[in-house]
N, C-alpha and C. Protein backbone atom coordinates (compact mmCIF):
# COMPACT_ATOMS: atom_id res chain seq x y z
N MET A 1 30.09 19.13 -35.42
CA MET A 1 30.00 20.59 -35.06
C MET A 1 28.78 20.87 -34.28
N PRO A 2 28.95 21.42 -32.88
CA PRO A 2 27.41 21.76 -32.35
C PRO A 2 26.85 22.94 -32.92
N THR A 3 25.80 23.12 -32.82
CA THR A 3 24.77 24.11 -33.42
C THR A 3 24.35 24.85 -32.28
N SER A 4 24.51 26.24 -32.03
CA SER A 4 24.07 26.90 -30.80
C SER A 4 22.59 27.24 -31.19
N VAL A 5 21.66 27.36 -30.16
CA VAL A 5 20.28 27.48 -30.49
C VAL A 5 20.08 28.85 -29.66
N ALA A 6 19.18 29.83 -30.31
CA ALA A 6 18.83 31.01 -29.61
C ALA A 6 18.07 30.71 -28.64
N SER A 7 18.28 31.46 -27.22
CA SER A 7 17.52 31.30 -26.18
C SER A 7 15.97 31.50 -26.51
N GLY A 8 15.18 30.72 -25.86
CA GLY A 8 13.74 30.92 -26.13
C GLY A 8 13.37 30.28 -27.35
N GLU A 9 14.09 29.29 -27.94
CA GLU A 9 13.73 28.66 -29.32
C GLU A 9 13.04 27.47 -28.49
N THR A 10 11.91 27.17 -29.29
CA THR A 10 11.17 25.89 -28.80
C THR A 10 11.82 24.68 -29.59
N LEU A 11 12.20 23.54 -28.99
CA LEU A 11 13.00 22.48 -29.40
C LEU A 11 12.25 21.14 -29.48
N ALA A 12 12.43 20.45 -30.57
CA ALA A 12 11.71 19.03 -30.60
C ALA A 12 12.60 18.21 -29.80
N VAL A 13 12.09 17.19 -28.90
CA VAL A 13 12.87 16.22 -28.12
C VAL A 13 12.48 14.89 -28.53
N ASP A 14 11.49 14.70 -29.20
CA ASP A 14 11.15 13.32 -29.78
C ASP A 14 9.92 13.67 -30.87
N VAL A 15 10.11 12.57 -31.79
CA VAL A 15 9.07 12.44 -32.85
C VAL A 15 8.58 11.12 -33.22
N SER A 16 7.50 10.92 -33.45
CA SER A 16 6.76 9.74 -33.81
C SER A 16 5.67 10.00 -34.93
N CYS A 17 5.22 8.97 -35.58
CA CYS A 17 4.18 9.00 -36.50
C CYS A 17 3.28 7.87 -36.18
N SER A 18 1.98 8.50 -36.52
CA SER A 18 0.77 7.46 -36.57
C SER A 18 0.43 7.24 -38.06
N ASP A 19 -0.57 6.43 -38.39
CA ASP A 19 -0.85 6.52 -39.96
C ASP A 19 -0.92 7.65 -40.58
N ASP A 20 -1.44 8.55 -39.76
CA ASP A 20 -2.08 9.84 -40.33
C ASP A 20 -1.54 11.03 -39.75
N SER A 21 -0.72 10.95 -38.81
CA SER A 21 -0.26 12.35 -38.07
C SER A 21 1.15 12.20 -37.66
N LEU A 22 1.71 13.23 -37.69
CA LEU A 22 3.12 13.61 -37.26
C LEU A 22 2.90 14.24 -35.68
N ILE A 23 3.62 13.36 -34.73
CA ILE A 23 3.44 13.79 -33.42
C ILE A 23 5.03 14.28 -33.02
N VAL A 24 5.06 15.53 -32.46
CA VAL A 24 6.33 16.19 -32.06
C VAL A 24 6.26 16.56 -30.38
N VAL A 25 6.95 16.07 -29.74
CA VAL A 25 7.32 16.35 -28.14
C VAL A 25 8.34 17.51 -28.01
N LEU A 26 7.83 18.60 -27.46
CA LEU A 26 8.54 19.80 -27.45
C LEU A 26 9.39 19.93 -26.21
N ASP A 27 10.51 20.55 -26.11
CA ASP A 27 11.12 20.63 -24.63
C ASP A 27 10.51 21.39 -23.61
N ASP A 28 9.42 22.15 -24.03
CA ASP A 28 8.52 22.97 -22.93
C ASP A 28 7.20 22.00 -22.26
N GLY A 29 7.33 20.69 -22.89
CA GLY A 29 6.18 19.90 -22.49
C GLY A 29 5.21 19.59 -23.22
N ARG A 30 4.80 20.67 -24.39
CA ARG A 30 3.73 20.58 -25.30
C ARG A 30 4.13 19.31 -26.23
N THR A 31 2.92 18.70 -26.81
CA THR A 31 2.87 18.08 -27.81
C THR A 31 2.24 18.38 -29.12
N VAL A 32 2.54 18.52 -30.16
CA VAL A 32 2.15 19.08 -31.42
C VAL A 32 1.88 17.76 -32.30
N SER A 33 0.69 17.80 -32.79
CA SER A 33 0.31 16.83 -33.75
C SER A 33 -0.32 17.59 -35.02
N VAL A 34 0.14 16.84 -36.09
CA VAL A 34 -0.29 17.57 -37.42
C VAL A 34 -0.53 16.54 -38.49
N PRO A 35 -1.45 16.68 -39.29
CA PRO A 35 -1.67 15.64 -40.43
C PRO A 35 -0.49 15.33 -41.25
N LEU A 36 -0.21 14.10 -41.68
CA LEU A 36 1.00 13.73 -42.54
C LEU A 36 0.61 14.20 -43.72
N VAL A 37 -0.59 14.58 -44.24
CA VAL A 37 -0.72 15.08 -45.76
C VAL A 37 -0.19 16.37 -45.81
N TRP A 38 0.31 17.09 -44.74
CA TRP A 38 0.96 18.39 -44.99
C TRP A 38 2.43 18.10 -45.47
N PHE A 39 2.80 16.79 -45.43
CA PHE A 39 4.33 16.41 -45.70
C PHE A 39 4.25 15.26 -46.59
N PRO A 40 3.74 15.44 -47.88
CA PRO A 40 3.69 14.18 -48.60
C PRO A 40 5.02 13.32 -48.72
N ARG A 41 6.08 13.63 -48.62
CA ARG A 41 7.27 12.73 -48.78
C ARG A 41 7.19 11.68 -47.37
N LEU A 42 6.81 12.37 -46.25
CA LEU A 42 6.72 11.63 -45.15
C LEU A 42 5.36 10.62 -45.09
N LEU A 43 4.44 11.19 -45.65
CA LEU A 43 3.12 10.47 -45.81
C LEU A 43 3.48 9.32 -46.58
N ALA A 44 4.28 9.39 -47.54
CA ALA A 44 4.88 8.07 -48.50
C ALA A 44 5.79 7.40 -48.09
N ALA A 45 6.39 7.69 -46.76
CA ALA A 45 7.47 6.93 -46.41
C ALA A 45 6.92 5.80 -45.63
N THR A 46 7.84 4.89 -45.59
CA THR A 46 7.57 3.55 -44.77
C THR A 46 7.70 3.71 -43.19
N PRO A 47 7.13 2.99 -42.51
CA PRO A 47 7.29 3.11 -40.99
C PRO A 47 8.61 3.21 -40.55
N ARG A 48 9.52 2.50 -41.09
CA ARG A 48 10.96 2.50 -40.88
C ARG A 48 11.73 3.96 -41.36
N GLN A 49 11.53 4.49 -42.34
CA GLN A 49 11.90 5.70 -42.76
C GLN A 49 11.20 6.85 -41.85
N ARG A 50 10.04 6.73 -41.51
CA ARG A 50 9.35 7.73 -40.55
C ARG A 50 10.04 7.79 -39.21
N LYS A 51 10.49 6.55 -38.64
CA LYS A 51 11.27 6.60 -37.49
C LYS A 51 12.68 7.14 -37.51
N ALA A 52 13.11 7.14 -38.59
CA ALA A 52 14.84 7.36 -38.70
C ALA A 52 14.97 8.89 -38.93
N TRP A 53 14.45 9.62 -38.00
CA TRP A 53 14.88 11.36 -37.78
C TRP A 53 15.87 11.58 -36.98
N GLU A 54 16.28 12.84 -37.25
CA GLU A 54 17.56 13.31 -36.36
C GLU A 54 17.44 14.74 -36.26
N PRO A 55 17.58 15.42 -35.33
CA PRO A 55 17.34 16.72 -34.98
C PRO A 55 18.21 17.63 -35.83
N ILE A 56 17.84 18.89 -36.22
CA ILE A 56 18.60 19.79 -36.94
C ILE A 56 18.64 21.13 -36.04
N GLY A 57 20.04 21.58 -35.83
CA GLY A 57 20.17 22.75 -35.02
C GLY A 57 20.16 22.41 -33.76
N GLY A 58 20.14 21.39 -33.10
CA GLY A 58 19.72 21.10 -31.75
C GLY A 58 18.63 20.87 -31.32
N GLY A 59 17.71 20.77 -32.29
CA GLY A 59 16.17 20.43 -32.17
C GLY A 59 15.16 21.56 -32.79
N ILE A 60 15.57 22.42 -33.30
CA ILE A 60 14.91 23.43 -34.04
C ILE A 60 14.23 22.89 -35.18
N GLY A 61 14.44 21.89 -35.68
CA GLY A 61 13.92 21.05 -36.65
C GLY A 61 14.30 19.50 -36.81
N MET A 62 13.56 18.73 -37.63
CA MET A 62 13.80 17.48 -37.85
C MET A 62 14.25 17.13 -39.19
N HIS A 63 15.08 16.09 -39.23
CA HIS A 63 15.48 15.72 -40.73
C HIS A 63 15.41 14.17 -40.93
N TRP A 64 14.90 13.85 -41.98
CA TRP A 64 14.55 12.48 -42.29
C TRP A 64 15.60 12.07 -43.65
N GLU A 65 16.76 11.35 -43.32
CA GLU A 65 17.59 11.25 -44.47
C GLU A 65 17.35 10.47 -45.77
N ALA A 66 16.54 9.47 -45.52
CA ALA A 66 16.05 8.34 -46.52
C ALA A 66 15.05 8.94 -47.34
N ILE A 67 14.53 9.96 -47.13
CA ILE A 67 13.35 10.77 -47.74
C ILE A 67 13.51 12.45 -48.23
N ASP A 68 14.86 12.75 -47.69
CA ASP A 68 15.08 14.05 -47.86
C ASP A 68 14.04 15.13 -47.51
N GLU A 69 13.77 14.99 -46.35
CA GLU A 69 12.78 15.81 -45.78
C GLU A 69 13.08 16.64 -44.37
N ASP A 70 12.94 17.96 -44.34
CA ASP A 70 13.34 18.59 -43.38
C ASP A 70 12.10 19.60 -42.81
N ILE A 71 11.75 19.40 -41.66
CA ILE A 71 10.51 20.08 -41.04
C ILE A 71 11.18 21.06 -39.85
N SER A 72 10.71 22.27 -39.71
CA SER A 72 11.09 22.91 -38.59
C SER A 72 10.02 23.05 -37.50
N VAL A 73 10.15 23.04 -36.35
CA VAL A 73 9.49 23.24 -35.23
C VAL A 73 8.43 24.39 -35.42
N ALA A 74 9.08 25.50 -35.91
CA ALA A 74 8.36 26.80 -36.05
C ALA A 74 7.15 26.59 -37.13
N SER A 75 7.42 25.66 -38.05
CA SER A 75 6.30 25.48 -39.30
C SER A 75 5.18 24.81 -38.65
N LEU A 76 5.31 24.07 -37.63
CA LEU A 76 4.18 23.38 -36.88
C LEU A 76 3.67 24.10 -36.03
N LEU A 77 4.11 24.96 -35.27
CA LEU A 77 3.61 26.00 -34.29
C LEU A 77 2.64 27.04 -35.00
N GLN A 78 3.14 27.48 -36.13
CA GLN A 78 2.73 28.57 -37.03
C GLN A 78 2.56 28.03 -38.50
N PRO A 79 1.69 27.12 -38.98
CA PRO A 79 1.78 26.55 -40.11
C PRO A 79 1.14 27.67 -41.12
N GLU A 80 0.34 28.63 -40.59
CA GLU A 80 -0.10 29.46 -41.66
C GLU A 80 0.92 30.53 -42.15
N ARG A 81 1.94 30.70 -41.37
CA ARG A 81 3.15 31.40 -41.99
C ARG A 81 4.38 30.63 -42.86
N PHE A 82 4.18 29.21 -42.66
CA PHE A 82 5.30 28.60 -43.34
C PHE A 82 4.68 27.67 -44.55
N MET A 83 3.28 27.37 -44.61
CA MET A 83 2.95 26.40 -45.50
C MET A 83 1.99 26.97 -46.26
N ARG A 84 1.90 26.54 -47.67
CA ARG A 84 1.05 26.96 -48.67
C ARG A 84 0.19 25.48 -49.11
N LEU A 85 -1.00 25.24 -48.17
CA LEU A 85 -1.45 23.77 -48.78
C LEU A 85 -2.95 24.09 -48.76
N ALA A 86 -3.02 24.73 -49.80
CA ALA A 86 -4.70 24.91 -50.17
C ALA A 86 -5.61 23.52 -50.14
N GLY A 87 -6.60 23.78 -49.42
CA GLY A 87 -7.50 22.61 -49.24
C GLY A 87 -7.03 21.67 -48.22
N GLN A 88 -6.01 21.81 -47.71
CA GLN A 88 -5.42 20.99 -46.63
C GLN A 88 -5.15 21.82 -45.32
N VAL A 89 -5.16 22.99 -45.28
CA VAL A 89 -5.16 23.76 -43.99
C VAL A 89 -6.47 23.79 -43.47
N PRO A 90 -6.46 23.61 -41.92
CA PRO A 90 -7.84 23.57 -41.25
C PRO A 90 -8.53 24.82 -41.47
N GLU A 91 -9.82 24.63 -41.53
CA GLU A 91 -10.82 25.93 -41.81
C GLU A 91 -10.48 27.12 -40.91
N SER A 92 -10.00 26.94 -39.65
CA SER A 92 -9.67 27.96 -38.63
C SER A 92 -8.58 28.71 -39.17
N LEU A 93 -7.45 28.15 -39.70
CA LEU A 93 -6.18 28.81 -39.91
C LEU A 93 -6.64 29.61 -41.37
N ARG A 94 -7.66 28.96 -42.07
CA ARG A 94 -7.99 29.70 -43.44
C ARG A 94 -8.66 30.98 -43.26
N ARG A 95 -9.62 31.07 -42.20
CA ARG A 95 -10.20 32.06 -41.74
C ARG A 95 -9.31 33.15 -41.23
N ARG A 96 -8.38 32.84 -40.42
CA ARG A 96 -7.42 33.80 -39.74
C ARG A 96 -6.56 34.23 -40.90
N GLN A 97 -6.21 33.49 -41.91
CA GLN A 97 -5.53 34.02 -43.12
C GLN A 97 -6.10 35.00 -43.81
N GLY A 98 -7.51 34.66 -44.22
CA GLY A 98 -8.22 35.71 -44.69
C GLY A 98 -8.46 36.82 -44.13
N LYS A 99 -8.81 36.95 -42.76
CA LYS A 99 -8.91 38.27 -42.02
C LYS A 99 -7.55 38.95 -42.05
N ALA A 100 -6.32 38.28 -42.08
CA ALA A 100 -4.96 39.03 -42.12
C ALA A 100 -4.86 39.78 -43.52
N ARG A 101 -5.57 39.05 -44.76
CA ARG A 101 -5.36 39.56 -45.84
C ARG A 101 -6.35 40.82 -46.05
N ALA A 102 -7.58 40.66 -45.38
CA ALA A 102 -8.37 41.62 -45.42
C ALA A 102 -7.93 42.95 -44.84
N ARG A 103 -6.90 43.00 -43.84
CA ARG A 103 -6.60 43.92 -43.24
C ARG A 103 -5.53 44.69 -44.01
N LYS A 104 -4.88 44.01 -44.87
CA LYS A 104 -3.80 44.63 -45.78
C LYS A 104 -4.56 45.77 -46.81
N PRO A 105 -3.85 46.97 -46.79
CA PRO A 105 -4.33 47.85 -47.93
C PRO A 105 -4.30 47.44 -49.14
N SER A 106 -5.18 47.74 -49.99
CA SER A 106 -5.03 47.20 -51.41
C SER A 106 -4.31 48.30 -52.19
N ARG A 107 -3.64 47.82 -53.41
CA ARG A 107 -3.11 48.80 -54.15
C ARG A 107 -4.00 49.77 -55.06
N VAL A 108 -3.66 50.84 -54.90
CA VAL A 108 -4.48 51.75 -55.62
C VAL A 108 -3.90 52.12 -57.21
N ASP A 109 -4.54 51.74 -58.17
CA ASP A 109 -4.06 52.32 -59.65
C ASP A 109 -3.97 53.60 -59.65
N ARG A 110 -2.71 54.02 -60.23
CA ARG A 110 -2.46 55.41 -60.56
C ARG A 110 -2.39 55.68 -61.91
N GLY A 111 -3.40 55.61 -62.62
CA GLY A 111 -3.48 55.89 -64.25
C GLY A 111 -2.53 56.94 -64.69
């Protein structure tokens, strides 16, 4: 059964893995490369298992049946919104997250 994709949604058209990176080619011409350590199941997978991906929802994500892994394109484009990888998120993303938290008003105790 075909899945409709919202217009403007960025889609994965090709996926590959190096020894330490997940590389995703998007339909708008961009290539996104992220560390495999972000995805422990994919990191532990064999090269054959890493190659055996299929698109989810017409390309809004990727699925690896043999290792039961699903990854959305959105999580690759905005990892700070989707992943909790303490110590593994690049320093630039941690700084951005820290600034966002600093802007949130703190709770005021009402004794």
